Amino acid sequence: MRQRTPLRLIGGSLAFLALGLAVTVGIPALEGPPPSAQAVPYSQVQLQGRSIYIREGCWYCHTQQVRPIEVEPGTVRVRGDLGPASRPGDYAYQKPPLWGTNRQGPDLTYTSRRAYGTKEWHIRHLKEPRKTILGSIMPSFAHLPEEELDALAEYLLTLR
């Protein structure tokens, strides 16, 4: 009977761990927040651009999350501001959400469309970042084929 006690303890621990994983990971993955007005369902080209954005590591330097600590809710949107704080529903269509790891470039959540506006500008910036923004430390993406640059620019324009 003493030999069964460690097995019961291990079995109980594994069951408890599985229950904890189901509650903290499984259930939230099944039902996300409802989409907010900022959430954008992506077209096929935009999804391709998003996968290029991930592949090329753009999300390492450019966050897509405005933190409440940095902005007052309802901030007036003018060129260069941060916009309102991000909410969970803003990421309803993003799997995974791209919040960034180390903000070195600007947050792209609200600046991408308002500050620069056109696909042509984004493509020019991707090819020659230092010519479009003085002092930029972003690497050039001129090595990407035109089709990929176009798809990436389409995705960037969804970040409003």
N, C-alpha and C. Protein backbone atom coordinates (compact mmCIF):
# COMPACT_ATOMS: atom_id res chain seq x y z
N MET A 1 0.81 -1.20 0.00
CA MET A 1 0.00 0.00 0.00
C MET A 1 0.85 1.27 0.00
N ARG A 2 2.02 1.23 0.59
CA ARG A 2 2.90 2.39 0.61
C ARG A 2 3.43 2.72 -0.77
N GLN A 3 3.52 1.76 -1.66
CA GLN A 3 4.04 2.00 -2.99
C GLN A 3 3.04 2.75 -3.86
N ARG A 4 1.78 2.69 -3.54
CA ARG A 4 0.76 3.39 -4.32
C ARG A 4 0.69 4.88 -3.99
N THR A 5 1.12 5.29 -2.83
CA THR A 5 1.03 6.69 -2.43
C THR A 5 1.79 7.61 -3.37
N PRO A 6 3.05 7.32 -3.75
CA PRO A 6 3.73 8.20 -4.72
C PRO A 6 3.03 8.23 -6.07
N LEU A 7 2.48 7.11 -6.51
CA LEU A 7 1.77 7.09 -7.79
C LEU A 7 0.52 7.94 -7.72
N ARG A 8 -0.19 7.89 -6.61
CA ARG A 8 -1.39 8.72 -6.44
C ARG A 8 -1.01 10.20 -6.40
N LEU A 9 0.07 10.50 -5.73
CA LEU A 9 0.53 11.88 -5.65
C LEU A 9 0.91 12.41 -7.04
N ILE A 10 1.63 11.62 -7.80
CA ILE A 10 2.02 12.01 -9.15
C ILE A 10 0.78 12.14 -10.04
N GLY A 11 -0.10 11.18 -9.98
CA GLY A 11 -1.33 11.23 -10.78
C GLY A 11 -2.19 12.42 -10.42
N GLY A 12 -2.34 12.70 -9.13
CA GLY A 12 -3.12 13.87 -8.70
C GLY A 12 -2.48 15.17 -9.15
N SER A 13 -1.15 15.24 -9.08
CA SER A 13 -0.44 16.44 -9.53
C SER A 13 -0.63 16.67 -11.02
N LEU A 14 -0.53 15.61 -11.81
CA LEU A 14 -0.72 15.74 -13.25
C LEU A 14 -2.15 16.14 -13.60
N ALA A 15 -3.12 15.59 -12.89
CA ALA A 15 -4.51 15.97 -13.12
C ALA A 15 -4.74 17.44 -12.77
N PHE A 16 -4.17 17.88 -11.67
CA PHE A 16 -4.29 19.27 -11.26
C PHE A 16 -3.62 20.20 -12.28
N LEU A 17 -2.47 19.81 -12.79
CA LEU A 17 -1.77 20.58 -13.82
C LEU A 17 -2.60 20.67 -15.10
N ALA A 18 -3.18 19.56 -15.52
CA ALA A 18 -4.02 19.54 -16.72
C ALA A 18 -5.23 20.44 -16.55
N LEU A 19 -5.85 20.42 -15.38
CA LEU A 19 -7.01 21.28 -15.11
C LEU A 19 -6.58 22.75 -15.16
N GLY A 20 -5.43 23.07 -14.56
CA GLY A 20 -4.93 24.45 -14.59
C GLY A 20 -4.65 24.93 -16.00
N LEU A 21 -4.07 24.08 -16.84
CA LEU A 21 -3.82 24.45 -18.23
C LEU A 21 -5.12 24.67 -18.99
N ALA A 22 -6.09 23.81 -18.76
CA ALA A 22 -7.38 23.94 -19.44
C ALA A 22 -8.05 25.27 -19.07
N VAL A 23 -7.98 25.65 -17.82
CA VAL A 23 -8.64 26.87 -17.36
C VAL A 23 -7.90 28.12 -17.85
N THR A 24 -6.58 28.12 -17.79
CA THR A 24 -5.83 29.33 -18.14
C THR A 24 -5.50 29.47 -19.61
N VAL A 25 -5.43 28.37 -20.35
CA VAL A 25 -5.05 28.44 -21.76
C VAL A 25 -6.20 28.00 -22.67
N GLY A 26 -6.78 26.88 -22.38
CA GLY A 26 -7.79 26.29 -23.25
C GLY A 26 -9.07 27.09 -23.36
N ILE A 27 -9.66 27.45 -22.26
CA ILE A 27 -10.94 28.16 -22.28
C ILE A 27 -10.80 29.54 -22.93
N PRO A 28 -9.80 30.36 -22.56
CA PRO A 28 -9.66 31.65 -23.25
C PRO A 28 -9.43 31.52 -24.75
N ALA A 29 -8.77 30.45 -25.19
CA ALA A 29 -8.52 30.28 -26.62
C ALA A 29 -9.80 29.96 -27.37
N LEU A 30 -10.77 29.35 -26.71
CA LEU A 30 -12.02 29.00 -27.37
C LEU A 30 -12.88 30.22 -27.63
N GLU A 31 -12.91 31.14 -26.68
CA GLU A 31 -13.78 32.29 -26.81
C GLU A 31 -13.00 33.56 -26.52
N GLY A 32 -12.67 34.29 -27.57
CA GLY A 32 -11.95 35.54 -27.40
C GLY A 32 -12.92 36.68 -27.20
N PRO A 33 -12.40 37.88 -27.00
CA PRO A 33 -13.27 39.04 -26.82
C PRO A 33 -13.97 39.37 -28.13
N PRO A 34 -15.14 39.99 -28.05
CA PRO A 34 -15.81 40.40 -29.29
C PRO A 34 -15.01 41.50 -29.97
N PRO A 35 -15.02 41.55 -31.30
CA PRO A 35 -14.25 42.57 -32.01
C PRO A 35 -14.70 43.99 -31.65
N SER A 36 -13.72 44.87 -31.48
CA SER A 36 -14.02 46.28 -31.25
C SER A 36 -14.12 46.98 -32.60
N ALA A 37 -14.38 48.28 -32.56
CA ALA A 37 -14.44 49.06 -33.81
C ALA A 37 -13.07 49.12 -34.48
N GLN A 38 -11.99 48.95 -33.72
CA GLN A 38 -10.64 49.00 -34.28
C GLN A 38 -10.22 47.68 -34.92
N ALA A 39 -10.91 46.58 -34.60
CA ALA A 39 -10.54 45.27 -35.13
C ALA A 39 -10.87 45.20 -36.62
N VAL A 40 -9.95 44.63 -37.38
CA VAL A 40 -10.10 44.58 -38.83
C VAL A 40 -9.99 43.13 -39.30
N PRO A 41 -11.05 42.59 -39.95
CA PRO A 41 -10.88 41.27 -40.57
C PRO A 41 -10.00 41.44 -41.81
N TYR A 42 -9.05 40.55 -41.97
CA TYR A 42 -8.05 40.70 -43.03
C TYR A 42 -8.47 40.03 -44.32
N SER A 43 -8.08 40.65 -45.45
CA SER A 43 -8.24 40.03 -46.76
C SER A 43 -7.09 39.04 -46.94
N GLN A 44 -7.11 38.27 -48.00
CA GLN A 44 -6.05 37.30 -48.26
C GLN A 44 -4.69 37.98 -48.46
N VAL A 45 -4.68 39.11 -49.17
CA VAL A 45 -3.43 39.85 -49.39
C VAL A 45 -2.90 40.41 -48.07
N GLN A 46 -3.79 40.91 -47.23
CA GLN A 46 -3.37 41.45 -45.94
C GLN A 46 -2.83 40.34 -45.03
N LEU A 47 -3.44 39.16 -45.09
CA LEU A 47 -2.91 38.03 -44.31
C LEU A 47 -1.52 37.63 -44.79
N GLN A 48 -1.32 37.68 -46.11
CA GLN A 48 0.01 37.40 -46.65
C GLN A 48 1.01 38.46 -46.15
N GLY A 49 0.59 39.72 -46.16
CA GLY A 49 1.45 40.80 -45.65
C GLY A 49 1.75 40.64 -44.18
N ARG A 50 0.77 40.18 -43.41
CA ARG A 50 0.98 39.95 -41.98
C ARG A 50 2.00 38.84 -41.76
N SER A 51 1.92 37.78 -42.57
CA SER A 51 2.90 36.70 -42.41
C SER A 51 4.31 37.17 -42.80
N ILE A 52 4.42 38.08 -43.77
CA ILE A 52 5.72 38.66 -44.13
C ILE A 52 6.21 39.54 -42.98
N TYR A 53 5.31 40.32 -42.38
CA TYR A 53 5.63 41.18 -41.24
C TYR A 53 6.20 40.33 -40.10
N ILE A 54 5.61 39.16 -39.86
CA ILE A 54 6.09 38.25 -38.82
C ILE A 54 7.43 37.64 -39.23
N ARG A 55 7.49 37.13 -40.45
CA ARG A 55 8.70 36.46 -40.94
C ARG A 55 9.92 37.38 -40.92
N GLU A 56 9.73 38.64 -41.31
CA GLU A 56 10.85 39.58 -41.39
C GLU A 56 11.19 40.21 -40.04
N GLY A 57 10.41 39.90 -39.01
CA GLY A 57 10.72 40.37 -37.66
C GLY A 57 10.33 41.81 -37.38
N CYS A 58 9.43 42.38 -38.17
CA CYS A 58 9.02 43.77 -37.98
C CYS A 58 8.42 43.99 -36.58
N TRP A 59 7.74 42.97 -36.07
CA TRP A 59 7.05 43.10 -34.79
C TRP A 59 8.01 43.16 -33.61
N TYR A 60 9.27 42.86 -33.82
CA TYR A 60 10.23 42.99 -32.72
C TYR A 60 10.40 44.46 -32.31
N CYS A 61 10.43 45.34 -33.29
CA CYS A 61 10.69 46.76 -33.02
C CYS A 61 9.45 47.63 -33.03
N HIS A 62 8.42 47.23 -33.75
CA HIS A 62 7.20 48.03 -33.85
C HIS A 62 6.08 47.36 -33.08
N THR A 63 5.65 47.98 -31.99
CA THR A 63 4.55 47.42 -31.22
C THR A 63 3.24 47.73 -31.93
N GLN A 64 2.23 47.01 -31.55
CA GLN A 64 0.88 47.28 -32.04
C GLN A 64 -0.06 47.34 -30.85
N GLN A 65 0.44 47.93 -29.78
CA GLN A 65 -0.32 48.02 -28.54
C GLN A 65 -0.05 49.37 -27.90
N VAL A 66 -1.10 50.16 -27.70
CA VAL A 66 -0.97 51.42 -26.99
C VAL A 66 -1.32 51.12 -25.54
N ARG A 67 -0.37 51.34 -24.65
CA ARG A 67 -0.55 51.02 -23.24
C ARG A 67 -1.29 52.14 -22.51
N PRO A 68 -2.20 51.80 -21.62
CA PRO A 68 -2.97 52.83 -20.91
C PRO A 68 -2.09 53.77 -20.09
N ILE A 69 -0.93 53.31 -19.68
CA ILE A 69 -0.03 54.14 -18.89
C ILE A 69 0.49 55.32 -19.71
N GLU A 70 0.47 55.20 -21.04
CA GLU A 70 1.04 56.23 -21.91
C GLU A 70 0.02 57.20 -22.47
N VAL A 71 -1.24 56.92 -22.30
CA VAL A 71 -2.24 57.74 -22.99
C VAL A 71 -3.51 57.82 -22.15
N GLU A 72 -4.17 58.95 -22.22
CA GLU A 72 -5.47 59.10 -21.57
C GLU A 72 -6.54 58.53 -22.49
N PRO A 73 -7.50 57.76 -22.00
CA PRO A 73 -8.56 57.25 -22.88
C PRO A 73 -9.27 58.41 -23.59
N GLY A 74 -9.56 58.22 -24.85
CA GLY A 74 -10.25 59.24 -25.63
C GLY A 74 -9.36 60.35 -26.13
N THR A 75 -8.06 60.11 -26.19
CA THR A 75 -7.15 61.14 -26.68
C THR A 75 -7.55 61.58 -28.08
N VAL A 76 -7.47 62.87 -28.32
CA VAL A 76 -7.78 63.40 -29.64
C VAL A 76 -6.73 62.88 -30.61
N ARG A 77 -7.17 62.38 -31.74
CA ARG A 77 -6.25 61.82 -32.73
C ARG A 77 -5.77 62.90 -33.68
N VAL A 78 -4.52 63.26 -33.53
CA VAL A 78 -3.86 64.18 -34.45
C VAL A 78 -2.55 63.56 -34.85
N ARG A 79 -1.94 64.07 -35.91
CA ARG A 79 -0.69 63.50 -36.40
C ARG A 79 0.35 63.41 -35.29
N GLY A 80 0.86 62.18 -35.09
CA GLY A 80 1.91 61.96 -34.13
C GLY A 80 1.46 61.54 -32.75
N ASP A 81 0.16 61.55 -32.47
CA ASP A 81 -0.27 61.13 -31.14
C ASP A 81 -0.33 59.60 -31.05
N LEU A 82 -0.63 59.11 -29.88
CA LEU A 82 -0.66 57.67 -29.68
C LEU A 82 -2.04 57.06 -29.89
N GLY A 83 -3.09 57.87 -29.85
CA GLY A 83 -4.43 57.32 -29.98
C GLY A 83 -4.92 56.75 -28.66
N PRO A 84 -6.13 56.24 -28.64
CA PRO A 84 -6.67 55.68 -27.39
C PRO A 84 -5.94 54.39 -27.01
N ALA A 85 -6.02 54.04 -25.74
CA ALA A 85 -5.38 52.81 -25.25
C ALA A 85 -6.00 51.59 -25.93
N SER A 86 -5.18 50.59 -26.19
CA SER A 86 -5.65 49.35 -26.82
C SER A 86 -6.54 48.58 -25.87
N ARG A 87 -7.51 47.87 -26.46
CA ARG A 87 -8.43 47.02 -25.69
C ARG A 87 -8.36 45.61 -26.26
N PRO A 88 -8.75 44.60 -25.49
CA PRO A 88 -8.67 43.22 -25.98
C PRO A 88 -9.40 42.99 -27.30
N GLY A 89 -10.53 43.63 -27.53
CA GLY A 89 -11.29 43.44 -28.76
C GLY A 89 -10.58 43.95 -30.00
N ASP A 90 -9.56 44.82 -29.82
CA ASP A 90 -8.80 45.34 -30.96
C ASP A 90 -8.02 44.23 -31.66
N TYR A 91 -7.78 43.13 -30.96
CA TYR A 91 -6.96 42.03 -31.48
C TYR A 91 -7.79 40.79 -31.81
N ALA A 92 -9.09 40.95 -31.97
CA ALA A 92 -9.98 39.80 -32.17
C ALA A 92 -9.61 38.97 -33.40
N TYR A 93 -9.09 39.59 -34.44
CA TYR A 93 -8.77 38.87 -35.67
C TYR A 93 -7.28 38.52 -35.78
N GLN A 94 -6.50 38.85 -34.77
CA GLN A 94 -5.07 38.59 -34.83
C GLN A 94 -4.72 37.32 -34.05
N LYS A 95 -4.18 36.39 -34.73
CA LYS A 95 -3.72 35.14 -34.11
C LYS A 95 -2.32 34.87 -34.58
N PRO A 96 -1.30 35.06 -33.81
CA PRO A 96 -1.25 35.65 -32.47
C PRO A 96 -1.24 37.18 -32.56
N PRO A 97 -1.61 37.86 -31.47
CA PRO A 97 -1.48 39.32 -31.47
C PRO A 97 -0.01 39.70 -31.48
N LEU A 98 0.31 40.76 -32.20
CA LEU A 98 1.71 41.19 -32.35
C LEU A 98 1.95 42.45 -31.51
N TRP A 99 2.21 42.25 -30.24
CA TRP A 99 2.39 43.37 -29.34
C TRP A 99 3.80 43.91 -29.34
N GLY A 100 4.74 43.22 -29.95
CA GLY A 100 6.12 43.68 -29.97
C GLY A 100 6.88 43.21 -28.74
N THR A 101 8.19 43.36 -28.79
CA THR A 101 9.02 42.93 -27.67
C THR A 101 9.87 44.07 -27.15
N ASN A 102 10.29 44.98 -28.01
CA ASN A 102 11.21 46.03 -27.63
C ASN A 102 10.97 47.20 -28.56
N ARG A 103 10.18 48.16 -28.12
CA ARG A 103 9.81 49.25 -29.02
C ARG A 103 11.01 50.11 -29.36
N GLN A 104 11.47 49.98 -30.60
CA GLN A 104 12.54 50.84 -31.09
C GLN A 104 12.02 51.75 -32.18
N GLY A 105 11.04 51.28 -32.93
CA GLY A 105 10.39 52.11 -33.92
C GLY A 105 9.08 52.58 -33.33
N PRO A 106 8.32 53.39 -34.06
CA PRO A 106 7.06 53.89 -33.52
C PRO A 106 6.02 52.77 -33.40
N ASP A 107 5.10 52.97 -32.46
CA ASP A 107 3.96 52.07 -32.36
C ASP A 107 3.13 52.26 -33.63
N LEU A 108 2.80 51.16 -34.30
CA LEU A 108 2.12 51.27 -35.59
C LEU A 108 0.60 51.19 -35.50
N THR A 109 0.07 51.02 -34.30
CA THR A 109 -1.37 50.84 -34.19
C THR A 109 -2.15 51.97 -34.82
N TYR A 110 -1.80 53.22 -34.55
CA TYR A 110 -2.57 54.33 -35.08
C TYR A 110 -1.82 55.19 -36.09
N THR A 111 -0.51 55.06 -36.16
CA THR A 111 0.24 55.96 -37.04
C THR A 111 0.31 55.50 -38.48
N SER A 112 0.16 54.22 -38.72
CA SER A 112 0.43 53.70 -40.06
C SER A 112 -0.42 54.33 -41.14
N ARG A 113 -1.69 54.48 -40.93
CA ARG A 113 -2.56 55.05 -41.96
C ARG A 113 -2.63 56.57 -41.85
N ARG A 114 -2.76 57.09 -40.65
CA ARG A 114 -2.97 58.52 -40.48
C ARG A 114 -1.74 59.35 -40.81
N ALA A 115 -0.59 58.95 -40.33
CA ALA A 115 0.59 59.79 -40.50
C ALA A 115 1.15 59.72 -41.92
N TYR A 116 1.06 58.58 -42.55
CA TYR A 116 1.72 58.42 -43.85
C TYR A 116 0.75 58.09 -44.95
N GLY A 117 -0.27 57.33 -44.66
CA GLY A 117 -1.42 57.19 -45.50
C GLY A 117 -1.45 56.37 -46.76
N THR A 118 -0.42 56.31 -47.55
CA THR A 118 -0.55 55.64 -48.83
C THR A 118 0.32 54.39 -48.92
N LYS A 119 -0.11 53.48 -49.75
CA LYS A 119 0.66 52.27 -49.98
C LYS A 119 2.00 52.61 -50.60
N GLU A 120 2.03 53.58 -51.49
CA GLU A 120 3.26 53.98 -52.16
C GLU A 120 4.29 54.47 -51.15
N TRP A 121 3.83 55.26 -50.15
CA TRP A 121 4.75 55.76 -49.13
C TRP A 121 5.35 54.59 -48.36
N HIS A 122 4.51 53.62 -47.96
CA HIS A 122 5.00 52.47 -47.20
C HIS A 122 6.02 51.66 -48.00
N ILE A 123 5.75 51.45 -49.27
CA ILE A 123 6.69 50.69 -50.11
C ILE A 123 8.01 51.45 -50.22
N ARG A 124 7.93 52.77 -50.43
CA ARG A 124 9.14 53.59 -50.50
C ARG A 124 9.92 53.50 -49.18
N HIS A 125 9.19 53.56 -48.06
CA HIS A 125 9.84 53.48 -46.75
C HIS A 125 10.46 52.10 -46.51
N LEU A 126 9.80 51.06 -46.97
CA LEU A 126 10.36 49.71 -46.81
C LEU A 126 11.65 49.54 -47.60
N LYS A 127 11.69 50.15 -48.78
CA LYS A 127 12.88 50.04 -49.63
C LYS A 127 14.02 50.93 -49.15
N GLU A 128 13.69 52.17 -48.78
CA GLU A 128 14.70 53.15 -48.39
C GLU A 128 14.26 53.89 -47.12
N PRO A 129 14.34 53.23 -45.97
CA PRO A 129 13.81 53.84 -44.75
C PRO A 129 14.50 55.15 -44.35
N ARG A 130 15.79 55.28 -44.59
CA ARG A 130 16.50 56.49 -44.17
C ARG A 130 16.21 57.69 -45.07
N LYS A 131 15.73 57.44 -46.27
CA LYS A 131 15.36 58.55 -47.15
C LYS A 131 13.96 59.07 -46.84
N THR A 132 13.11 58.23 -46.27
CA THR A 132 11.74 58.68 -45.98
C THR A 132 11.61 59.21 -44.55
N ILE A 133 12.39 58.67 -43.63
CA ILE A 133 12.39 59.16 -42.24
C ILE A 133 13.84 59.34 -41.81
N LEU A 134 14.24 60.58 -41.63
CA LEU A 134 15.62 60.88 -41.23
C LEU A 134 15.91 60.26 -39.86
N GLY A 135 17.05 59.63 -39.74
CA GLY A 135 17.46 59.03 -38.47
C GLY A 135 16.89 57.64 -38.23
N SER A 136 16.18 57.09 -39.18
CA SER A 136 15.61 55.76 -39.02
C SER A 136 16.72 54.72 -38.87
N ILE A 137 16.50 53.75 -37.99
CA ILE A 137 17.45 52.65 -37.84
C ILE A 137 16.90 51.36 -38.46
N MET A 138 15.76 51.48 -39.10
CA MET A 138 15.13 50.31 -39.72
C MET A 138 15.98 49.82 -40.90
N PRO A 139 16.15 48.51 -41.02
CA PRO A 139 16.88 47.99 -42.19
C PRO A 139 16.03 48.11 -43.45
N SER A 140 16.67 48.08 -44.58
CA SER A 140 15.98 48.12 -45.86
C SER A 140 15.38 46.74 -46.16
N PHE A 141 14.21 46.76 -46.76
CA PHE A 141 13.57 45.52 -47.20
C PHE A 141 13.48 45.49 -48.72
N ALA A 142 14.44 46.15 -49.38
CA ALA A 142 14.48 46.20 -50.84
C ALA A 142 14.71 44.82 -51.44
N HIS A 143 15.18 43.88 -50.65
CA HIS A 143 15.42 42.51 -51.14
C HIS A 143 14.11 41.74 -51.37
N LEU A 144 13.00 42.25 -50.83
CA LEU A 144 11.72 41.55 -51.01
C LEU A 144 11.19 41.77 -52.42
N PRO A 145 10.56 40.76 -53.01
CA PRO A 145 9.93 40.95 -54.32
C PRO A 145 8.79 41.98 -54.23
N GLU A 146 8.48 42.60 -55.35
CA GLU A 146 7.43 43.63 -55.39
C GLU A 146 6.10 43.11 -54.84
N GLU A 147 5.76 41.86 -55.14
CA GLU A 147 4.50 41.28 -54.66
C GLU A 147 4.46 41.25 -53.13
N GLU A 148 5.59 40.90 -52.52
CA GLU A 148 5.64 40.85 -51.06
C GLU A 148 5.64 42.26 -50.45
N LEU A 149 6.32 43.21 -51.09
CA LEU A 149 6.29 44.59 -50.61
C LEU A 149 4.86 45.14 -50.68
N ASP A 150 4.16 44.82 -51.75
CA ASP A 150 2.78 45.26 -51.91
C ASP A 150 1.89 44.66 -50.81
N ALA A 151 2.03 43.37 -50.56
CA ALA A 151 1.22 42.71 -49.52
C ALA A 151 1.56 43.26 -48.14
N LEU A 152 2.83 43.51 -47.87
CA LEU A 152 3.25 44.06 -46.59
C LEU A 152 2.67 45.45 -46.40
N ALA A 153 2.70 46.27 -47.44
CA ALA A 153 2.12 47.61 -47.36
C ALA A 153 0.61 47.54 -47.14
N GLU A 154 -0.07 46.60 -47.78
CA GLU A 154 -1.51 46.42 -47.55
C GLU A 154 -1.79 46.10 -46.09
N TYR A 155 -0.97 45.24 -45.50
CA TYR A 155 -1.14 44.90 -44.08
C TYR A 155 -0.88 46.13 -43.21
N LEU A 156 0.19 46.87 -43.51
CA LEU A 156 0.51 48.04 -42.71
C LEU A 156 -0.63 49.07 -42.70
N LEU A 157 -1.35 49.15 -43.81
CA LEU A 157 -2.47 50.10 -43.87
C LEU A 157 -3.67 49.67 -43.02
N THR A 158 -3.68 48.41 -42.55
CA THR A 158 -4.76 47.99 -41.65
C THR A 158 -4.49 48.45 -40.22
N LEU A 159 -3.28 48.86 -39.92
CA LEU A 159 -2.90 49.27 -38.57
C LEU A 159 -3.29 50.72 -38.38
N ARG A 160 -4.52 50.93 -37.97
CA ARG A 160 -4.98 52.30 -37.83
C ARG A 160 -5.29 52.66 -36.42
